[in-house]
Protein backbone atom coordinates (compact mmCIF):
# COMPACT_ATOMS: atom_id res chain seq x y z
CA MET A 1 99.36 194.82 17.77
CA LEU A 2 96.23 194.43 15.91
CA ASN A 3 95.24 197.42 13.21
CA PHE A 4 91.69 197.30 11.52
CA PRO A 5 91.33 199.60 8.44
CA GLY A 6 89.33 202.74 9.71
CA TRP A 7 90.14 202.39 13.04
CA PRO A 8 92.45 204.95 14.54
CA ARG A 9 96.07 203.80 16.10
CA PRO A 10 96.21 204.08 20.04
CA SER A 11 99.08 206.56 20.37
CA LEU A 12 100.82 207.51 23.86
CA PRO A 13 100.00 210.50 25.05
CA ALA A 14 102.47 213.59 25.41
CA SER A 15 103.86 213.54 28.59
CA GLY A 16 104.06 210.57 31.19
CA HIS A 17 105.55 212.24 34.00
CA THR A 18 102.44 212.57 35.84
CA GLU A 19 101.64 209.08 36.08
CA THR A 20 105.67 208.12 36.72
CA ASN A 21 106.01 210.46 39.87
CA LEU A 22 103.05 208.50 40.71
CA LEU A 23 104.10 204.97 40.27
CA VAL A 24 107.53 205.60 42.30
CA PRO A 25 105.69 206.47 45.90
CA ALA A 26 103.43 203.73 45.20
CA ALA A 27 105.77 201.62 44.65
CA GLN A 28 108.03 202.15 47.76
CA ILE A 29 104.85 201.84 49.79
CA LEU A 30 104.05 198.64 48.45
CA ALA A 31 107.78 197.70 48.91
CA LEU A 32 107.75 198.71 52.28
CA ALA A 33 103.90 197.08 53.35
CA ALA A 34 105.64 193.58 51.60
CA VAL A 35 108.49 193.47 54.04
CA LEU A 36 106.15 194.23 57.21
CA VAL A 37 104.40 191.50 56.19
CA CYS A 38 107.11 189.36 55.49
CA ALA A 39 108.47 189.81 58.86
CA LEU A 40 105.20 189.16 60.49
CA VAL A 41 105.08 185.65 58.60
CA TYR A 42 108.66 184.97 59.85
CA PHE A 43 108.12 185.54 63.37
CA ALA A 44 104.56 183.66 63.29
CA SER A 45 106.11 180.79 61.59
CA TYR A 46 109.04 180.93 64.01
CA ALA A 47 106.48 180.95 66.97
CA GLN A 48 104.37 178.06 65.41
CA ASN A 49 107.45 175.68 64.62
CA ARG A 50 108.11 176.19 68.49
CA ILE A 51 104.83 175.17 69.37
CA SER A 52 105.53 172.17 67.14
CA LEU A 53 108.52 170.74 68.66
CA ARG A 54 107.28 171.15 71.97
CA ASN A 55 104.44 169.23 70.95
CA GLU A 56 106.57 166.29 69.17
CA ALA A 57 108.50 166.63 72.69
CA HIS A 58 105.44 165.81 74.45
CA LEU A 59 104.51 163.29 72.39
CA VAL A 60 108.02 161.45 72.10
CA ARG A 61 108.04 161.59 76.10
CA SER A 62 104.52 160.29 76.23
CA ALA A 63 104.87 157.39 73.91
CA VAL A 64 108.55 156.22 75.78
CA GLY A 65 105.80 155.89 78.80
CA ALA A 66 103.48 154.00 76.88
CA GLU A 67 105.65 151.28 75.87
CA LEU A 68 106.87 151.57 79.58
CA ARG A 69 103.53 150.68 80.89
CA THR A 70 102.98 148.16 78.25
CA LEU A 71 105.99 146.14 79.44
CA ALA A 72 104.74 146.55 82.73
CA ASP A 73 101.45 145.00 81.96
CA VAL A 74 103.66 142.10 80.32
CA ALA A 75 105.60 141.69 83.29
CA VAL A 76 102.24 141.45 85.51
CA SER A 77 100.96 138.94 83.50
CA TYR A 78 103.80 136.69 83.69
CA SER A 79 104.19 137.23 87.57
CA TRP A 80 100.50 136.89 88.62
CA TRP A 81 100.28 133.33 87.22
CA GLY A 82 99.30 130.56 89.62
CA ASP A 83 101.35 127.80 87.70
CA ALA A 84 104.87 130.03 87.51
CA VAL A 85 104.32 130.30 91.52
CA ASP A 86 104.03 126.57 92.19
CA ARG A 87 106.94 125.56 89.42
CA VAL A 88 109.11 127.87 90.10
CA PHE A 89 109.39 128.78 93.91
CA VAL A 90 107.47 125.65 95.24
CA GLN A 91 108.83 122.81 92.47
CA LYS A 92 112.34 124.38 91.72
CA ASP A 93 111.66 123.48 87.96
CA ILE A 94 114.65 125.46 86.90
CA ASP A 95 114.03 124.11 83.09
CA TRP A 96 110.29 125.28 83.54
CA ALA A 97 111.41 128.90 84.09
CA TRP A 98 113.98 128.60 81.53
CA SER A 99 111.75 127.64 78.84
CA ASN A 100 108.64 129.99 79.55
CA PHE A 101 110.64 133.07 81.06
CA GLY A 102 114.33 132.98 79.36
CA GLU A 103 113.25 131.86 76.24
CA ALA A 104 109.51 132.59 75.29
CA LEU A 105 109.18 135.62 77.31
CA ALA A 106 112.25 137.17 75.61
CA GLU A 107 111.39 136.26 72.50
CA SER A 108 107.74 137.52 71.93
CA TYR A 109 108.60 140.56 73.60
CA HIS A 110 112.43 141.45 72.01
CA LEU A 111 113.77 141.54 75.84
CA THR A 112 117.44 142.64 76.33
CA GLY A 113 117.04 140.17 79.92
CA VAL A 114 114.73 138.29 82.21
CA PHE A 115 115.81 137.62 85.88
CA ILE A 116 114.00 135.90 88.60
CA LEU A 117 115.07 136.40 92.34
CA ASP A 118 113.53 134.79 95.36
CA GLU A 119 111.97 136.38 98.47
CA VAL A 120 115.94 137.36 99.67
CA ASN A 121 117.18 138.86 95.89
CA ARG A 122 118.96 135.37 95.11
CA THR A 123 118.99 134.63 91.54
CA ILE A 124 116.94 131.76 90.17
CA LEU A 125 117.34 132.44 86.63
CA ALA A 126 119.23 135.50 84.81
CA SER A 127 119.52 135.53 81.34
CA VAL A 128 120.42 138.56 78.79
CA GLY A 129 119.18 137.57 75.26
CA PRO A 130 119.74 133.43 74.65
CA ASP A 131 122.47 132.94 77.49
CA HIS A 132 122.64 132.49 81.03
CA VAL A 133 124.85 135.03 82.89
CA GLY A 134 125.53 133.21 86.07
CA GLU A 135 123.69 133.73 89.17
CA ASP A 136 124.61 137.72 89.83
CA ALA A 137 121.78 139.46 88.74
CA LEU A 138 121.97 142.20 90.67
CA GLY A 139 125.62 142.60 90.49
CA TYR A 140 125.00 142.77 86.25
CA LEU A 141 121.99 145.29 86.38
CA GLY A 142 123.64 147.87 89.66
CA PRO A 143 122.19 148.56 92.98
CA GLU A 144 118.66 150.03 91.19
CA ALA A 145 117.42 146.65 91.15
CA ALA A 146 117.51 145.84 94.42
CA ALA A 147 115.57 148.72 95.31
CA LEU A 148 112.81 148.23 92.40
CA ALA A 149 112.95 144.51 94.01
CA ALA A 150 111.92 145.60 97.46
CA GLU A 151 109.56 148.16 96.39
CA ALA A 152 107.93 145.42 94.36
CA ARG A 153 107.43 143.14 97.21
CA LYS A 154 105.22 145.89 99.01
CA SER A 155 102.35 145.22 96.50
CA SER A 156 99.12 143.47 97.47
CA LEU A 157 98.46 140.19 97.02
CA THR A 158 95.38 141.03 95.41
CA ASP A 159 96.45 143.90 93.27
CA VAL A 160 99.68 143.49 91.85
CA VAL A 161 101.73 146.90 91.20
CA PRO A 162 104.62 146.58 89.02
CA VAL A 163 107.64 149.12 89.84
CA SER A 164 109.43 150.48 86.51
CA GLY A 165 111.58 152.92 85.45
CA ILE A 166 114.53 153.33 83.60
CA ILE A 167 118.21 152.21 84.16
CA VAL A 168 121.78 152.30 82.63
CA VAL A 169 123.38 148.75 81.66
CA GLY A 170 126.46 149.00 79.55
CA GLY A 171 126.14 152.55 78.96
CA LYS A 172 123.06 152.05 77.47
CA PRO A 173 119.26 153.21 78.55
CA ASN A 174 116.93 150.15 79.62
CA PHE A 175 113.47 149.73 80.34
CA ILE A 176 113.08 147.37 83.72
CA ILE A 177 109.93 146.43 85.77
CA ALA A 178 110.19 144.36 88.52
CA SER A 179 106.90 142.63 89.13
CA PRO A 180 106.09 140.23 92.22
CA PHE A 181 105.04 136.47 91.68
CA THR A 182 101.35 136.43 92.91
CA HIS A 183 99.61 133.37 93.32
CA TRP A 184 96.05 133.60 92.25
CA GLU A 185 94.85 131.89 95.28
CA VAL A 186 96.28 133.79 98.34
CA LYS A 187 95.87 130.56 100.36
CA MET A 188 98.45 129.35 97.98
CA GLN A 189 100.76 131.72 97.92
CA PRO A 190 103.92 130.27 99.41
CA PRO A 191 105.82 132.12 102.34
CA GLY A 192 108.41 135.05 100.99
CA ARG A 193 107.84 136.65 97.78
CA GLY A 194 110.10 136.12 94.20
CA VAL A 195 110.49 139.42 92.05
CA LEU A 196 110.13 138.80 88.19
CA LEU A 197 112.62 141.61 86.37
CA VAL A 198 112.22 142.62 82.80
CA VAL A 199 114.74 144.47 81.18
CA LYS A 200 114.51 146.01 77.68
CA GLU A 201 116.71 148.16 75.90
CA ILE A 202 115.85 150.82 74.02
CA ASP A 203 117.13 150.49 71.20
CA GLY A 204 116.51 151.36 67.49
CA ARG A 205 113.15 149.24 67.36
CA VAL A 206 112.05 151.18 70.30
CA LEU A 207 112.33 154.33 68.76
CA ASP A 208 111.59 153.35 65.07
CA LYS A 209 107.99 152.15 66.28
CA ILE A 210 107.64 155.28 68.12
CA ALA A 211 108.77 157.44 65.01
CA ASP A 212 106.31 155.67 63.06
CA GLN A 213 103.54 156.07 65.41
CA PHE A 214 103.91 159.65 65.46
CA MET A 215 105.37 160.34 62.18
CA ILE A 216 108.81 162.00 63.83
CA THR A 217 111.98 162.02 61.48
CA ASN A 218 115.26 160.45 62.42
CA LEU A 219 114.67 159.45 66.39
CA HIS A 220 117.49 158.59 67.88
CA TRP A 221 119.91 158.91 70.68
CA ALA A 222 122.35 161.82 70.84
CA ASP A 223 125.44 163.07 73.07
CA ALA A 224 124.56 165.67 74.99
CA ASN A 225 127.32 167.81 73.54
CA SER A 226 126.16 166.87 70.01
CA ASP A 227 125.12 169.38 67.22
CA ALA A 228 121.36 167.57 67.15
CA ASP A 229 118.74 170.33 67.04
CA VAL A 230 116.66 168.57 69.75
CA HIS A 231 117.93 167.20 73.00
CA LEU A 232 115.01 165.38 74.87
CA PRO A 233 116.73 164.38 78.15
CA LEU A 234 115.45 160.64 79.90
CA GLU A 235 116.26 160.29 83.57
CA ALA A 236 116.97 157.03 84.93
CA ILE A 237 115.68 155.91 88.41
CA ASP A 238 118.81 157.20 90.14
CA GLY A 239 118.28 160.51 89.49
CA ARG A 240 121.32 160.22 86.22
CA VAL A 241 120.53 161.29 82.97
CA ALA A 242 119.88 157.87 80.65
CA GLY A 243 120.10 159.36 77.47
CA HIS A 244 119.51 162.14 74.86
CA LEU A 245 116.53 161.69 72.55
CA SER A 246 117.08 163.52 69.37
CA TRP A 247 115.07 164.19 66.32
CA ALA A 248 114.59 166.39 63.34
CA PRO A 249 111.62 168.77 63.94
CA SER A 250 108.82 169.20 61.78
CA THR A 251 108.69 172.77 60.37
CA PRO A 252 105.11 173.49 59.82
CA GLY A 253 105.83 177.42 60.30
CA THR A 254 108.85 177.54 57.68
CA GLU A 255 106.69 175.87 55.19
CA LEU A 256 103.75 177.97 55.31
CA MET A 257 106.19 181.30 55.54
CA GLU A 258 107.93 180.24 52.40
CA PHE A 259 104.45 179.45 50.69
CA LEU A 260 103.31 182.63 51.67
CA VAL A 261 106.42 184.80 51.24
CA THR A 262 106.93 183.39 47.73
CA GLY A 263 103.03 184.58 47.10
CA ILE A 264 103.25 187.88 48.35
CA LEU A 265 106.77 188.33 45.79
CA GLY A 266 104.77 186.95 43.36
CA VAL A 267 102.25 189.64 43.75
CA VAL A 268 104.40 192.65 44.10
CA VAL A 269 106.47 191.65 41.35
CA LEU A 270 102.78 191.12 39.18
CA VAL A 271 101.66 194.59 40.74
CA PHE A 272 105.25 196.20 39.45
CA VAL A 273 104.58 194.41 35.69
CA LEU A 274 101.16 195.29 35.22
CA ALA A 275 101.61 199.09 36.53
CA ALA A 276 104.58 199.35 34.25
CA ARG A 277 102.34 198.03 30.94
CA VAL A 278 99.51 199.94 32.31
CA LEU A 279 101.58 203.39 31.88
CA ARG A 280 103.57 202.54 29.24
CA ALA A 281 101.98 200.73 26.80
CA TRP A 282 98.02 201.43 27.37
CA GLN A 283 97.70 201.84 23.71
CA GLN A 284 98.73 198.24 22.66
CA THR A 285 95.26 197.11 24.54
CA GLN A 286 94.34 193.92 22.53
CA SER A 287 98.38 192.89 22.40
CA ALA A 288 97.93 193.27 26.18
CA LEU A 289 95.15 190.81 26.43
CA GLN A 290 97.01 188.41 24.39
CA GLU A 291 99.54 188.61 26.50
CA ALA A 292 97.68 188.33 29.62
CA LEU A 293 95.93 185.57 28.44
CA ARG A 294 99.53 184.10 28.03
CA SER A 295 100.57 184.69 31.34
CA ALA A 296 96.99 183.46 32.97
CA GLU A 297 98.04 179.96 31.13
CA ALA A 298 101.32 179.59 32.16
CA ALA A 299 100.29 180.75 35.89
CA SER A 300 97.72 177.93 35.71
CA GLU A 301 100.22 175.53 34.53
CA ALA A 302 102.63 176.77 37.37
CA LYS A 303 99.82 176.40 39.68
CA SER A 304 99.03 172.58 38.47
CA LEU A 305 102.80 171.77 38.93
CA PHE A 306 102.92 173.53 42.65
CA LEU A 307 99.82 171.98 43.70
CA ALA A 308 100.95 168.13 42.49
CA THR A 309 104.83 168.82 44.37
CA MET A 310 102.81 170.07 47.45
CA SER A 311 100.55 166.62 47.39
CA HIS A 312 103.90 164.99 49.08
CA GLU A 313 104.45 167.38 51.53
CA LEU A 314 100.69 167.71 52.86
CA ARG A 315 101.14 165.23 55.96
CA THR A 316 103.76 167.85 57.75
CA PRO A 317 101.06 170.56 57.77
CA LEU A 318 98.16 168.01 57.78
CA ASN A 319 99.70 166.93 61.44
CA ALA A 320 99.98 170.58 62.85
CA ILE A 321 96.18 170.85 61.60
CA ILE A 322 95.06 167.54 63.55
CA GLY A 323 97.54 168.32 66.85
CA PHE A 324 95.83 172.01 67.21
CA SER A 325 92.55 170.87 66.62
CA GLU A 326 92.59 168.13 69.32
CA LEU A 327 94.12 170.37 72.16
CA MET A 328 91.46 172.36 71.02
CA ARG A 329 88.99 169.91 71.10
CA ASP A 330 90.01 168.86 74.43
CA GLY A 331 90.50 172.11 75.84
CA VAL A 332 94.13 171.61 76.51
CA TRP A 333 94.51 175.45 76.48
CA GLY A 334 91.21 176.63 78.15
CA PRO A 335 87.77 175.18 77.56
CA LEU A 336 86.22 176.37 74.40
CA PRO A 337 82.58 177.25 73.78
CA GLU A 338 80.42 174.27 72.71
CA ARG A 339 80.03 175.60 69.12
CA TYR A 340 83.94 176.19 68.74
CA ARG A 341 84.29 172.87 70.34
CA GLY A 342 82.06 171.61 67.83
CA TYR A 343 84.26 173.02 64.89
CA ALA A 344 87.51 172.11 66.28
CA ALA A 345 86.21 168.24 66.34
CA ASP A 346 85.19 168.62 62.50
CA ILE A 347 88.34 170.21 61.53
CA HIS A 348 90.17 166.86 63.55
CA ALA A 349 87.76 164.46 61.71
CA SER A 350 88.47 166.48 58.56
CA GLY A 351 91.95 166.51 58.71
CA TYR A 352 92.29 162.59 60.08
CA HIS A 353 90.19 161.72 56.64
CA LEU A 354 92.60 163.49 54.49
CA LEU A 355 95.54 162.22 56.16
CA GLY A 356 93.84 158.66 55.83
CA LEU A 357 94.16 159.38 51.85
CA VAL A 358 97.63 160.77 51.93
CA SER A 359 98.58 157.59 54.04
CA ASP A 360 97.05 155.08 51.39
CA VAL A 361 98.84 156.80 48.92
CA LEU A 362 102.26 156.46 50.96
CA ASP A 363 101.52 153.22 51.91
CA PHE A 364 100.85 151.65 48.51
CA SER A 365 103.95 153.50 47.64
CA LYS A 366 106.19 151.22 50.41
CA VAL A 367 104.43 148.47 48.91
CA ALA A 368 105.45 148.96 45.47
CA ALA A 369 108.75 149.48 46.51
CA ASN A 370 108.61 146.62 49.39
CA ARG A 371 109.89 149.02 52.02
CA LEU A 372 106.45 148.35 54.24
CA GLU A 373 107.47 145.84 56.99
CA LEU A 374 105.03 144.03 58.99
CA GLN A 375 104.96 143.72 62.97
CA PRO A 376 103.32 140.42 63.77
CA GLU A 377 101.88 139.44 67.14
CA PRO A 378 99.58 137.23 68.78
CA LEU A 379 95.70 138.91 68.02
CA GLU A 380 92.04 137.96 69.19
CA ILE A 381 90.15 137.79 66.18
CA ALA A 382 87.23 138.72 67.70
CA VAL A 383 88.67 142.03 69.37
CA ALA A 384 89.87 142.95 65.78
CA VAL A 385 86.64 142.74 64.04
CA SER A 386 84.89 144.40 66.96
CA GLU A 387 87.01 147.50 66.74
CA ALA A 388 86.99 147.62 62.73
CA VAL A 389 83.19 147.52 62.73
CA ARG A 390 82.93 150.27 66.04
CA MET A 391 85.12 152.71 63.89
CA VAL A 392 82.74 152.42 60.78
CA GLN A 393 79.23 152.27 62.71
CA ALA A 394 78.67 155.72 62.80
CA ASP A 395 78.85 155.93 58.82
CA ALA A 396 76.49 152.76 58.88
CA ASP A 397 73.90 154.35 61.31
CA THR A 398 73.54 157.36 59.28
CA LEU A 399 73.47 155.36 55.64
CA GLY A 400 70.85 153.27 57.49
CA VAL A 401 73.19 149.95 56.98
CA ASP A 402 72.80 147.13 59.23
CA LEU A 403 76.17 146.15 60.54
CA ARG A 404 76.60 142.57 62.03
CA ILE A 405 78.84 140.20 63.54
CA ASP A 406 78.73 136.10 62.97
CA LEU A 407 82.10 134.95 64.41
CA PRO A 408 82.53 131.43 65.73
CA ALA A 409 82.85 130.39 69.53
CA ASN A 410 86.63 130.76 70.86
CA PRO A 411 88.04 131.19 67.59
CA PRO A 412 92.10 130.62 67.26
CA ARG A 413 94.65 133.40 67.63
CA LEU A 414 96.13 135.42 64.43
CA ILE A 415 99.49 136.22 64.44
CA ALA A 416 99.33 139.25 62.00
CA ASP A 417 100.29 142.98 62.47
CA ALA A 418 97.55 144.67 64.18
CA GLN A 419 97.83 147.99 62.31
CA ARG A 420 97.66 146.47 58.72
CA LEU A 421 94.66 143.71 59.56
CA ARG A 422 92.71 147.05 61.37
CA GLN A 423 93.30 148.46 57.95
CA MET A 424 92.53 145.77 55.68
CA LEU A 425 89.21 145.31 57.84
CA LEU A 426 88.03 148.99 57.70
CA ASN A 427 89.00 149.41 53.87
CA LEU A 428 86.64 146.22 53.14
CA LEU A 429 84.05 147.16 55.76
CA SER A 430 83.75 151.26 54.40
CA ASN A 431 83.37 149.73 50.99
CA ALA A 432 80.81 147.32 52.12
CA VAL A 433 78.77 150.35 53.63
CA ARG A 434 79.23 152.81 51.15
CA PHE A 435 77.80 150.76 48.48
CA THR A 436 74.74 148.69 50.47
CA PRO A 437 71.70 151.11 50.33
CA ALA A 438 69.43 152.19 53.16
CA GLY A 439 68.28 148.98 54.56
CA GLY A 440 70.72 146.93 53.72
CA GLN A 441 72.76 144.76 55.77
CA VAL A 442 76.62 144.18 56.02
CA THR A 443 77.91 141.26 57.71
CA VAL A 444 81.19 140.03 58.72
CA ARG A 445 82.04 136.56 59.56
CA ALA A 446 84.65 134.21 59.96
CA SER A 447 85.69 130.41 59.36
CA VAL A 448 88.47 128.13 60.48
CA GLY A 449 89.45 125.08 58.67
CA GLU A 450 92.50 124.78 56.53
CA HIS A 451 92.67 128.11 56.79
CA LEU A 452 91.27 131.25 58.50
CA ARG A 453 88.97 133.27 56.42
CA ILE A 454 87.28 136.53 57.22
CA GLU A 455 84.46 137.39 54.96
CA VAL A 456 82.84 141.01 54.69
CA VAL A 457 79.34 140.21 53.10
CA ASP A 458 76.86 143.26 51.99
CA THR A 459 73.53 143.32 50.04
CA GLY A 460 74.47 146.13 48.03
CA CYS A 461 74.43 146.99 44.32
CA GLY A 462 76.97 144.27 43.64
CA MET A 463 79.24 144.53 40.42
CA ARG A 464 79.53 142.12 37.19
CA PRO A 465 82.64 139.66 37.68
CA GLU A 466 84.48 141.49 34.97
CA ASP A 467 84.51 144.45 36.78
CA VAL A 468 86.17 142.67 39.88
CA PRO A 469 89.61 143.02 38.41
CA VAL A 470 88.83 146.70 37.44
CA ALA A 471 87.67 147.26 41.35
CA LEU A 472 91.45 145.91 41.85
CA GLU A 473 93.34 148.09 40.04
CA PRO A 474 94.95 151.28 41.74
CA PHE A 475 92.98 154.67 41.52
CA ARG A 476 90.50 152.80 39.38
CA GLN A 477 87.05 152.11 40.33
CA VAL A 478 84.18 150.52 38.25
CA ASP A 479 81.97 153.83 38.70
CA GLY A 480 85.07 155.96 36.88
CA SER A 481 82.48 158.85 35.38
CA LEU A 482 83.22 162.22 36.73
CA ALA A 483 79.81 162.10 38.02
CA ARG A 484 80.16 159.06 40.23
CA ARG A 485 78.05 158.77 43.09
CA HIS A 486 80.59 157.41 45.44
CA GLN A 487 83.90 158.82 46.60
CA GLY A 488 87.13 157.40 47.48
CA THR A 489 90.75 157.17 45.75
CA GLY A 490 90.35 154.01 44.21
CA LEU A 491 93.21 152.40 46.34
CA GLY A 492 91.39 150.64 49.03
CA LEU A 493 91.30 147.28 47.88
CA PRO A 494 94.36 147.21 45.88
CA LEU A 495 96.26 147.96 49.06
CA THR A 496 94.06 145.65 50.80
CA ARG A 497 95.38 142.82 48.57
CA SER A 498 99.23 143.78 48.96
CA LEU A 499 98.57 143.84 52.78
CA ILE A 500 96.93 140.40 52.70
CA ASN A 501 99.52 139.18 50.20
CA LEU A 502 102.50 140.43 52.45
CA HIS A 503 100.87 138.24 55.41
CA GLY A 504 101.15 135.28 52.76
CA GLY A 505 97.21 135.34 52.06
CA GLU A 506 94.80 136.33 49.39
CA LEU A 507 91.89 138.28 48.92
CA LEU A 508 88.89 136.70 47.11
CA ILE A 509 86.25 138.72 45.56
CA GLU A 510 82.65 137.31 44.64
CA SER A 511 79.98 139.86 43.64
CA MET A 512 77.09 139.95 41.26
CA PRO A 513 74.78 142.82 40.11
CA GLY A 514 71.92 143.47 42.71
CA LEU A 515 72.82 140.25 44.84
CA GLY A 516 75.60 142.46 46.86
CA THR A 517 79.51 141.74 47.00
CA THR A 518 81.41 139.20 49.42
CA ALA A 519 84.99 140.23 50.45
CA ALA A 520 87.28 137.57 51.86
CA LEU A 521 90.67 137.67 54.02
CA VAL A 522 92.13 134.37 53.73
CA PHE A 523 95.42 133.67 55.90
CA PRO A 524 96.96 130.61 55.95
CA ALA A 525 97.26 128.18 58.77
CA SER A 526 100.69 128.39 59.40
CA ARG A 527 99.36 132.05 61.13
CA LEU A 528 97.08 130.62 63.40
CA VAL A 529 97.34 129.74 67.03
CA ALA A 530 94.71 127.30 68.30
CA ALA A 531 93.08 128.90 72.04
CA GLU A 532 94.31 125.54 74.04
CA GLU A 533 97.57 126.72 73.59
CA LYS A 534 97.18 129.73 75.40
CA ALA A 535 97.93 130.05 79.11
CA PRO A 536 95.51 130.87 81.59
CA ASP A 537 96.44 134.83 81.67
CA GLY A 538 96.59 134.34 78.00
CA ALA A 539 100.24 134.32 77.43
CA LEU A 540 101.40 131.77 74.67
CA VAL A 541 103.18 128.92 76.11
């Protein structure tokens, strides 16, 4: 304890019984209040977990329905095809049917089976995977397939409507689509009407896609009598339960409860400690201040460590914020006043922005660990570019930047991962818009030669050639000061380079101060599909 010459030494009062007697009931009241608050937090977290579980079940069921509708669109595109009607039902060209349906269609969409029936349900083509399965398609699929085929034939010749559902084949749940073969020209339609049956097992590939899309953990099929936390039955077209989907439900309420309870207990403990010190050691004021300073420094270090750890757990509560704000914005639980609906929209947009930052970090971690897998598919370049430009148009308008698209006529299709291509384009466009002053221009253009080159050209501030490698380093920015004008994590360009490398291409950047920047995504020719190789309905042949 500090003791300056000439200063009186502090001393305890003659009796501390009064303070001690007051401390006991105060401590009891504080403890009771803490227990009541913890109980309220527990019930609130339980309710929030139940709401989150219902939302996840709705998302999973909707995602299964969306997969079924997507597969139905594929079946319609292949059955509403004049060439198919002529070659299969008029010319009886089975080899052509096998090449375009038994092989191309099945392989392109990972189908379990493809079946073609004539007007009286006789089997023309029947395949499961790469093999023929004989002539009894209906015997393989069960009686429900015949009912679906009959219902599909009722569809109009000018408005084809497929019939779809879920069936159980070999003990496993499968999507099944029945779509009638229809000629583009009604007068060319032959008598009778064949039916295309498309079957796809709801396997791990489908479940993983749904899980990744909605960030569902451990989505899998479970036995109805298992000990899984969640059971979501899927009904087959015959009324039976085709299977039970299960997953590990998110627990935003529990995580919030743990955080709040820890804080409450910390406050209670801190209050007791401070009260004891005040009552028993008030004469040691200088020493108490030094101890409080050391405690504050330790608390600051603990807070920094806590925030660093919690940054890895942000996605679950962020999903809850985004989901609930979307429900409020869309008035799912009843209409809100326009003002509060605007607040909900702002919360929703901010949540998506923060989730995007967290996702960038996680995506970059996946790339660094070689755990990021692509889902390539034929893509229209013009569609992908237009979607990306539309997503940054609002920011460009706000900043006074002119966005333009300059693409060649009838460009080839690009075999790429749609989500990752959009992510690369958005990263480049966002950077270009952010670093281009008002009145400037950002242009997206493409050229096709020995490879496909998609360029984002801006008239912004540009950078020195020696600064380009710095911009491509993770978490680095050319303007690295604490007072930098432009926000960002410094992951956009490094992540884009990693994603284009996964596609077998490269990211090229040319820039000069005051002249602007050109960032180019260069894809190899092996990822291009010539436009003339597309069937009349857009399907690859």
